[in-house]
């Protein structure tokens, strides 16, 4: 290792950074230490030449010349970070950036730079510790995912476009067809539009490229879910109330799946209730978990339908003339049950319909993720 002494970083301080440097270099990353007072390098990993094409002397020379050179990007913004810290702003103690760095031979390397201010015993910044990671391979994987997504999107979209064009011709030429036949044409056109929209939502190159590129969240705040539900209701032009007691900061679960389940409940409430009627959102602790409920002021669910509303493909009496597939509630309950929770229907005393989504809290051992609950084809609404 090559070490160049600097005024404010004594041997004791250098010893405290040894572990950081070793860990960074074990993973093939570059480690660097810059003195905050001088802005000059104290340590740079020997591998800098292999990754970036520069030596430690190159780094030092560029910094001594006022930081005018490609390597200045490693510590870009350091004076501003120090100024903000001195003013009491600790938001930039740790910074992560990604950019292309120019090599001496004119080529570029994609790098990710993570840096943090190291404080002395008096709480003042003494050094900037950082690591540099070559992300060229990751960039290439992202490009490959985009190419694959484009190909897959095209392979699905081409036959769908053929079907879409054919059904439009049938509708235009089939003026003498009976009403049942024309309705089938409309159903095919609607299904085709829905599939094309799904391609845009789930198989777009951007969406596919993002898969696996970041760590998936595994927790979500119940209050945030309720507030998002209220916001969506207001966007739909409906009055809404929200009542929530003391709720845990987070629940274990996949956020997008839980949001989808709540969105299904909201869509149904909007679809099957008169325009202008209010919706009511509640959240509370109950039975060792959290219950999030949505109540409407519509006609409610027919007694004949209550036992089957969560069945796959089932549509109740009030669905006559309303577009839908009968899969929404089935899918929502499936998502919730995978999380060890339950989705039930409860007819409120004041009328309307109320759906209750229950999830276990992280500390509860009674129900865990993917617990042995009945699947969504089970018609009883017990929490089991």
Protein backbone atom coordinates (compact mmCIF):
# COMPACT_ATOMS: atom_id res chain seq x y z
CA UNK A 1 0.00 0.00 0.00
CA UNK A 2 1.21 3.49 -0.81
CA UNK A 3 0.72 6.06 1.94
CA UNK A 4 1.43 9.77 1.68
CA UNK A 5 1.35 11.57 5.06
CA UNK A 6 -0.86 14.64 5.43
CA UNK A 7 -0.87 17.17 8.27
CA UNK A 8 -4.13 16.35 10.00
CA UNK A 9 -4.23 12.58 9.66
CA UNK A 10 -1.80 11.06 12.19
CA UNK A 11 -0.78 7.43 12.45
CA UNK A 12 -3.51 6.63 14.94
CA UNK A 13 -6.13 7.96 12.54
CA UNK A 14 -4.61 5.97 9.70
CA UNK A 15 -4.88 2.82 11.80
CA UNK A 16 -8.61 3.39 12.27
CA UNK A 17 -9.14 3.39 8.49
CA UNK A 18 -7.16 0.19 7.87
CA UNK A 19 -10.23 -2.04 8.26
CA UNK A 20 -12.23 0.14 5.88
CA UNK A 21 -9.50 -0.04 3.25
CA UNK A 22 -9.09 -3.80 3.61
CA UNK A 23 -12.80 -4.55 3.32
CA UNK A 24 -13.18 -2.30 0.27
CA UNK A 25 -10.24 -3.89 -1.52
CA UNK A 26 -11.34 -7.46 -0.74
CA UNK A 27 -14.35 -6.86 -2.98
CA UNK A 28 -12.22 -5.49 -5.79
CA UNK A 29 -13.16 -1.86 -5.09
CA UNK A 30 -10.76 1.05 -4.70
CA UNK A 31 -10.49 2.77 -1.34
CA UNK A 32 -9.39 6.36 -0.86
CA UNK A 33 -8.78 8.70 2.05
CA UNK A 34 -8.57 12.46 1.54
CA UNK A 35 -7.58 14.95 4.22
CA UNK A 36 -10.41 17.44 4.73
CA UNK A 37 -8.09 20.32 5.61
CA UNK A 38 -5.87 20.13 2.54
CA UNK A 39 -8.09 18.29 0.07
CA UNK A 40 -5.11 16.07 -0.76
CA UNK A 41 -5.04 12.25 -0.88
CA UNK A 42 -3.73 10.40 2.15
CA UNK A 43 -4.29 6.95 0.72
CA UNK A 44 -5.47 5.48 -2.60
CA UNK A 45 -5.62 1.76 -3.35
CA UNK A 46 -2.81 0.47 -5.59
CA UNK A 47 -5.45 -0.95 -7.96
CA UNK A 48 -6.34 2.54 -9.19
CA UNK A 49 -4.05 2.07 -12.17
CA UNK A 50 -5.84 -1.12 -13.29
CA UNK A 51 -9.35 0.32 -12.87
CA UNK A 52 -8.90 3.97 -13.83
CA UNK A 53 -5.50 4.15 -15.51
CA UNK A 54 -4.04 6.63 -13.02
CA UNK A 55 -1.43 6.35 -10.25
CA UNK A 56 -1.46 7.85 -6.77
CA UNK A 57 0.98 10.49 -8.06
CA UNK A 58 -1.55 11.39 -10.77
CA UNK A 59 -4.25 11.82 -8.13
CA UNK A 60 -2.05 14.01 -5.97
CA UNK A 61 -0.88 16.09 -8.93
CA UNK A 62 -4.43 16.78 -10.08
CA UNK A 63 -5.51 17.79 -6.59
CA UNK A 64 -2.49 20.04 -6.06
CA UNK A 65 -3.39 21.80 -9.31
CA UNK A 66 -6.73 22.85 -7.89
CA UNK A 67 -8.66 19.67 -8.61
CA UNK A 68 -8.73 20.39 -12.34
CA UNK A 69 -8.87 16.96 -13.94
CA UNK A 70 -10.96 13.79 -14.30
CA UNK A 71 -10.01 12.53 -10.84
CA UNK A 72 -11.48 15.62 -9.20
CA UNK A 73 -14.86 13.93 -9.61
CA UNK A 74 -13.91 11.52 -6.81
CA UNK A 75 -14.18 14.31 -4.23
CA UNK A 76 -16.46 16.70 -6.10
CA UNK A 77 -18.45 18.90 -3.77
CA UNK A 78 -16.24 18.34 -0.72
CA UNK A 79 -15.94 22.08 0.18
CA UNK A 80 -19.72 22.46 0.01
CA UNK A 81 -20.22 19.37 2.16
CA UNK A 82 -17.85 20.78 4.77
CA UNK A 83 -19.56 24.17 4.66
CA UNK A 84 -23.00 22.62 5.17
CA UNK A 85 -21.72 20.44 7.99
CA UNK A 86 -20.26 23.49 9.75
CA UNK A 87 -23.68 25.15 9.40
CA UNK A 88 -25.32 22.21 11.20
CA UNK A 89 -26.51 20.26 8.15
CA UNK A 90 -25.55 16.58 8.52
CA UNK A 91 -27.50 15.36 5.47
CA UNK A 92 -24.36 14.93 3.34
CA UNK A 93 -22.19 12.95 5.70
CA UNK A 94 -22.59 10.05 3.26
CA UNK A 95 -22.98 10.54 -0.50
CA UNK A 96 -23.30 8.06 -3.37
CA UNK A 97 -22.83 9.07 -7.00
CA UNK A 98 -22.52 7.26 -10.34
CA UNK A 99 -20.79 8.76 -13.37
CA UNK A 100 -18.40 8.06 -16.27
CA UNK A 101 -14.75 8.82 -15.53
CA UNK A 102 -12.32 9.64 -18.35
CA UNK A 103 -9.17 7.49 -18.48
CA UNK A 104 -5.82 8.84 -19.73
CA UNK A 105 -6.22 6.84 -22.97
CA UNK A 106 -9.48 8.63 -23.76
CA UNK A 107 -11.78 5.73 -22.88
CA UNK A 108 -14.41 5.98 -20.14
CA UNK A 109 -15.22 3.72 -17.21
CA UNK A 110 -18.56 3.74 -15.39
CA UNK A 111 -17.97 4.09 -11.67
CA UNK A 112 -20.00 4.30 -8.49
CA UNK A 113 -18.40 6.41 -5.76
CA UNK A 114 -19.54 6.16 -2.15
CA UNK A 115 -17.92 8.58 0.27
CA UNK A 116 -18.39 9.52 3.92
CA UNK A 117 -16.98 12.19 6.19
CA UNK A 118 -14.97 10.72 9.07
CA UNK A 119 -15.13 12.80 12.26
CA UNK A 120 -12.46 13.25 14.91
CA UNK A 121 -13.00 12.97 18.67
CA UNK A 122 -14.29 16.55 18.71
CA UNK A 123 -16.97 15.80 16.13
CA UNK A 124 -15.23 17.69 13.33
CA UNK A 125 -14.57 16.29 9.83
CA UNK A 126 -10.99 15.06 9.59
CA UNK A 127 -11.03 12.89 6.47
CA UNK A 128 -13.16 11.84 3.53
CA UNK A 129 -13.30 8.05 3.23
CA UNK A 130 -14.56 6.56 0.00
CA UNK A 131 -14.70 3.59 -2.30
CA UNK A 132 -14.82 3.44 -6.07
CA UNK A 133 -16.60 0.57 -7.79
CA UNK A 134 -16.45 -0.29 -11.49
CA UNK A 135 -20.10 -0.66 -12.57
CA UNK A 136 -19.42 -1.25 -16.26
CA UNK A 137 -20.61 -4.88 -16.01
CA UNK A 138 -23.78 -3.79 -14.24
CA UNK A 139 -24.44 -1.19 -16.93
CA UNK A 140 -24.02 -3.89 -19.59
CA UNK A 141 -26.46 -6.19 -17.77
CA UNK A 142 -28.99 -3.36 -17.69
CA UNK A 143 -28.55 -2.85 -21.43
CA UNK A 144 -29.03 -6.58 -22.00
CA UNK A 145 -32.23 -6.55 -19.92
CA UNK A 146 -33.54 -3.65 -21.97
CA UNK A 147 -32.77 -5.46 -25.22
CA UNK A 148 -34.45 -8.60 -23.92
CA UNK A 149 -37.49 -6.61 -22.77
CA UNK A 150 -37.77 -4.93 -26.16
CA UNK A 151 -37.65 -8.28 -27.91
CA UNK A 152 -40.19 -9.85 -25.55
CA UNK A 153 -42.49 -6.84 -25.80
CA UNK A 154 -42.33 -7.02 -29.59
CA UNK A 155 -43.01 -10.77 -29.69
CA UNK A 156 -46.18 -10.33 -27.62
CA UNK A 157 -47.31 -7.07 -29.19
CA UNK A 158 -47.15 -8.28 -32.81
CA UNK A 159 -49.85 -11.00 -32.53
CA UNK A 160 -51.95 -8.74 -30.30
CA UNK A 161 -51.82 -6.01 -32.93
CA UNK A 162 -52.93 -8.55 -35.53
CA UNK A 163 -55.87 -9.57 -33.34
CA UNK A 164 -56.71 -5.93 -32.67
CA UNK A 165 -56.75 -5.10 -36.40
CA UNK A 166 -58.81 -8.19 -37.24
CA UNK A 167 -61.47 -7.48 -34.62
CA UNK A 168 -61.75 -3.87 -35.81
CA UNK A 169 -62.41 -5.13 -39.34
CA UNK A 170 -64.97 -7.62 -38.07
CA UNK A 171 -66.77 -4.87 -36.16
CA UNK A 172 -66.74 -2.59 -39.19
CA UNK A 173 -67.96 -5.24 -41.61
CA UNK A 174 -70.26 -7.14 -39.26
CA UNK A 175 -73.06 -4.59 -39.22
CA UNK A 176 -75.60 -7.34 -39.85
CA UNK A 177 -74.34 -9.55 -37.02
CA UNK A 178 -76.66 -10.13 -34.08
CA UNK A 179 -76.14 -8.33 -30.77
CA UNK A 180 -74.53 -11.35 -29.07
CA UNK A 181 -71.90 -11.58 -31.83
CA UNK A 182 -71.18 -7.86 -31.70
CA UNK A 183 -70.80 -8.12 -27.91
CA UNK A 184 -68.22 -10.86 -28.38
CA UNK A 185 -66.34 -8.58 -30.75
CA UNK A 186 -66.34 -5.86 -28.11
CA UNK A 187 -65.17 -8.30 -25.43
CA UNK A 188 -62.26 -9.41 -27.62
CA UNK A 189 -61.31 -5.80 -28.33
CA UNK A 190 -61.45 -4.92 -24.62
CA UNK A 191 -59.32 -7.93 -23.67
CA UNK A 192 -56.78 -7.05 -26.37
CA UNK A 193 -56.54 -3.46 -25.13
CA UNK A 194 -56.03 -4.73 -21.58
CA UNK A 195 -53.20 -7.06 -22.64
CA UNK A 196 -51.47 -4.29 -24.60
CA UNK A 197 -51.75 -2.02 -21.55
CA UNK A 198 -50.20 -4.78 -19.41
CA UNK A 199 -47.28 -4.96 -21.83
CA UNK A 200 -46.73 -1.25 -21.34
CA UNK A 201 -46.96 -1.58 -17.56
CA UNK A 202 -45.00 -4.77 -16.94
CA UNK A 203 -42.93 -5.64 -20.02
CA UNK A 204 -41.65 -2.24 -21.02
CA UNK A 205 -37.84 -2.16 -21.43
CA UNK A 206 -37.56 0.30 -18.53
CA UNK A 207 -39.60 -1.91 -16.20
CA UNK A 208 -37.70 -5.07 -17.13
CA UNK A 209 -34.35 -3.31 -16.82
CA UNK A 210 -35.15 -2.35 -13.26
CA UNK A 211 -35.78 -5.96 -12.19
CA UNK A 212 -32.98 -7.13 -9.97
CA UNK A 213 -31.14 -3.82 -10.18
CA UNK A 214 -32.12 -2.78 -6.69
CA UNK A 215 -32.90 -4.52 -3.45
CA UNK A 216 -36.59 -5.19 -3.05
CA UNK A 217 -38.29 -3.60 -0.11
CA UNK A 218 -39.68 -6.01 2.47
CA UNK A 219 -41.49 -3.64 4.79
CA UNK A 220 -44.09 -0.89 4.52
CA UNK A 221 -45.77 1.47 6.95
CA UNK A 222 -49.51 0.78 7.45
CA UNK A 223 -50.27 4.47 7.98
CA UNK A 224 -48.57 5.27 4.68
CA UNK A 225 -50.74 2.66 2.93
CA UNK A 226 -53.87 4.24 4.40
CA UNK A 227 -52.79 7.76 3.47
CA UNK A 228 -52.09 6.64 -0.09
CA UNK A 229 -55.54 5.05 -0.25
CA UNK A 230 -57.11 8.33 0.90
CA UNK A 231 -55.12 10.29 -1.70
CA UNK A 232 -56.24 7.95 -4.50
CA UNK A 233 -59.87 8.32 -3.39
CA UNK A 234 -59.61 12.10 -3.53
CA UNK A 235 -58.06 11.96 -6.98
CA UNK A 236 -61.09 9.91 -8.06
CA UNK A 237 -63.29 12.80 -6.91
CA UNK A 238 -64.84 11.11 -3.90
CA UNK A 239 -65.18 12.49 -0.37
CA UNK A 240 -63.27 10.34 2.11
CA UNK A 241 -62.65 10.12 5.83
CA UNK A 242 -59.76 8.45 7.62
CA UNK A 243 -59.63 7.22 11.21
CA UNK A 244 -56.47 5.54 12.42
CA UNK A 245 -55.35 4.66 15.92
CA UNK A 246 -51.83 3.88 17.03
CA UNK A 247 -50.20 1.78 14.31
CA UNK A 248 -46.76 0.14 14.08
CA UNK A 249 -44.12 1.93 12.06
CA UNK A 250 -43.79 -0.94 9.60
CA UNK A 251 -45.27 -4.28 8.57
CA UNK A 252 -43.34 -7.08 6.96
CA UNK A 253 -44.45 -7.46 3.38
CA UNK A 254 -43.98 -6.63 -0.27
CA UNK A 255 -45.19 -3.01 -0.67
CA UNK A 256 -46.36 -3.16 -4.28
CA UNK A 257 -48.40 -6.31 -3.61
CA UNK A 258 -50.15 -4.79 -0.60
CA UNK A 259 -50.81 -1.59 -2.52
CA UNK A 260 -52.33 -3.67 -5.30
CA UNK A 261 -54.69 -5.41 -2.86
CA UNK A 262 -55.89 -2.08 -1.46
CA UNK A 263 -56.25 -0.67 -4.99
CA UNK A 264 -58.58 -3.56 -5.88
CA UNK A 265 -60.79 -2.69 -2.89
CA UNK A 266 -60.84 0.97 -3.89
CA UNK A 267 -61.64 0.24 -7.53
CA UNK A 268 -64.55 -1.96 -6.49
CA UNK A 269 -65.88 0.68 -4.11
CA UNK A 270 -65.74 3.32 -6.84
CA UNK A 271 -67.30 1.02 -9.41
CA UNK A 272 -70.24 -0.26 -7.36
CA UNK A 273 -71.32 2.84 -5.42
CA UNK A 274 -73.15 6.00 -6.56
CA UNK A 275 -70.99 8.92 -7.65
CA UNK A 276 -70.51 11.46 -4.89
CA UNK A 277 -70.97 9.04 -2.00
CA UNK A 278 -68.23 8.98 0.62
CA UNK A 279 -65.70 6.28 1.42
CA UNK A 280 -64.34 5.65 4.90
CA UNK A 281 -60.81 4.40 5.63
CA UNK A 282 -59.87 3.03 9.06
CA UNK A 283 -56.80 1.46 10.63
CA UNK A 284 -56.42 -0.16 14.04
CA UNK A 285 -54.52 -2.77 16.03
CA UNK A 286 -56.54 -5.94 16.46
CA UNK A 287 -55.89 -9.63 17.16
CA UNK A 288 -52.11 -9.27 17.27
CA UNK A 289 -51.98 -7.45 13.95
CA UNK A 290 -53.18 -4.43 12.00
CA UNK A 291 -56.56 -4.15 10.32
CA UNK A 292 -57.01 -1.72 7.43
CA UNK A 293 -60.62 -1.33 6.32
CA UNK A 294 -62.47 0.43 3.51
CA UNK A 295 -66.20 1.08 3.87
CA UNK A 296 -68.51 2.56 1.24
CA UNK A 297 -72.07 3.88 1.28
CA UNK A 298 -73.37 1.81 -1.61
CA UNK A 299 -75.93 -1.00 -1.78
CA UNK A 300 -73.58 -3.55 -0.24
CA UNK A 301 -73.08 -7.17 -1.29
CA UNK A 302 -76.10 -9.42 -1.80
CA UNK A 303 -76.45 -12.15 0.80
CA UNK A 304 -76.45 -14.68 -2.02
CA UNK A 305 -73.04 -13.45 -3.16
CA UNK A 306 -71.22 -13.04 0.16
CA UNK A 307 -70.00 -16.63 0.30
CA UNK A 308 -68.49 -16.47 -3.20
CA UNK A 309 -67.20 -12.94 -3.76
CA UNK A 310 -63.56 -14.05 -3.29
CA UNK A 311 -63.89 -17.00 -5.69
CA UNK A 312 -61.84 -16.97 -8.87
CA UNK A 313 -63.87 -15.54 -11.76
CA UNK A 314 -67.04 -15.02 -9.70
CA UNK A 315 -69.13 -11.93 -10.39
CA UNK A 316 -72.05 -11.01 -8.17
CA UNK A 317 -75.53 -9.83 -9.04
CA UNK A 318 -74.54 -6.16 -8.84
CA UNK A 319 -71.85 -6.69 -11.51
CA UNK A 320 -74.41 -6.91 -14.30
CA UNK A 321 -73.50 -4.39 -16.97
CA UNK A 322 -70.23 -3.45 -15.23
CA UNK A 323 -66.91 -4.30 -16.92
CA UNK A 324 -64.71 -6.71 -15.01
CA UNK A 325 -63.18 -10.19 -14.92
CA UNK A 326 -64.16 -11.45 -11.46
CA UNK A 327 -60.48 -11.81 -10.55
CA UNK A 328 -59.87 -8.67 -8.49
CA UNK A 329 -60.95 -9.84 -5.04
CA UNK A 330 -59.53 -13.31 -5.66
CA UNK A 331 -56.15 -11.81 -6.53
CA UNK A 332 -56.25 -9.36 -3.60
CA UNK A 333 -56.98 -12.11 -1.10
CA UNK A 334 -54.20 -14.26 -2.59
CA UNK A 335 -51.68 -11.47 -2.08
CA UNK A 336 -52.79 -10.86 1.50
CA UNK A 337 -52.75 -14.56 2.44
CA UNK A 338 -49.18 -14.95 1.13
CA UNK A 339 -48.29 -12.30 3.72
CA UNK A 340 -49.89 -14.37 6.48
CA UNK A 341 -52.93 -12.11 6.64
CA UNK A 342 -56.60 -12.24 5.66
CA UNK A 343 -59.08 -10.30 3.57
CA UNK A 344 -62.72 -10.50 4.65
CA UNK A 345 -66.06 -8.88 3.95
CA UNK A 346 -68.17 -7.44 6.76
CA UNK A 347 -71.59 -5.83 6.21
CA UNK A 348 -71.59 -2.68 8.38
CA UNK A 349 -74.59 -1.87 10.54
CA UNK A 350 -74.94 1.53 8.85
CA UNK A 351 -75.20 -0.06 5.40
CA UNK A 352 -72.87 -0.28 2.46
CA UNK A 353 -69.97 -2.70 2.16
CA UNK A 354 -66.79 -2.98 4.21
CA UNK A 355 -63.68 -4.98 3.37
CA UNK A 356 -61.10 -5.62 6.08
CA UNK A 357 -57.47 -6.38 5.32
CA UNK A 358 -55.64 -7.84 8.32
CA UNK A 359 -51.86 -8.33 8.55
CA UNK A 360 -49.68 -9.61 11.39
CA UNK A 361 -47.28 -7.19 13.06
CA UNK A 362 -43.56 -8.08 12.85
CA UNK A 363 -43.36 -9.04 16.54
CA UNK A 364 -46.25 -11.47 16.29
CA UNK A 365 -45.32 -15.12 16.02
CA UNK A 366 -48.91 -16.22 15.55
CA UNK A 367 -48.87 -15.64 11.81
CA UNK A 368 -45.72 -15.51 9.72
CA UNK A 369 -45.06 -14.75 6.10
CA UNK A 370 -46.39 -17.48 3.83
CA UNK A 371 -47.92 -19.23 6.81
CA UNK A 372 -50.01 -22.33 6.39
CA UNK A 373 -53.25 -20.53 5.68
CA UNK A 374 -56.00 -21.73 3.38
CA UNK A 375 -55.57 -20.62 -0.21
CA UNK A 376 -57.74 -18.13 -2.03
CA UNK A 377 -60.10 -20.80 -3.35
CA UNK A 378 -61.28 -21.37 0.22
CA UNK A 379 -64.58 -19.56 0.58
CA UNK A 380 -64.65 -18.96 4.29
CA UNK A 381 -63.38 -15.60 5.45
CA UNK A 382 -61.91 -16.71 8.80
CA UNK A 383 -58.44 -15.67 9.72
CA UNK A 384 -57.52 -19.24 10.60
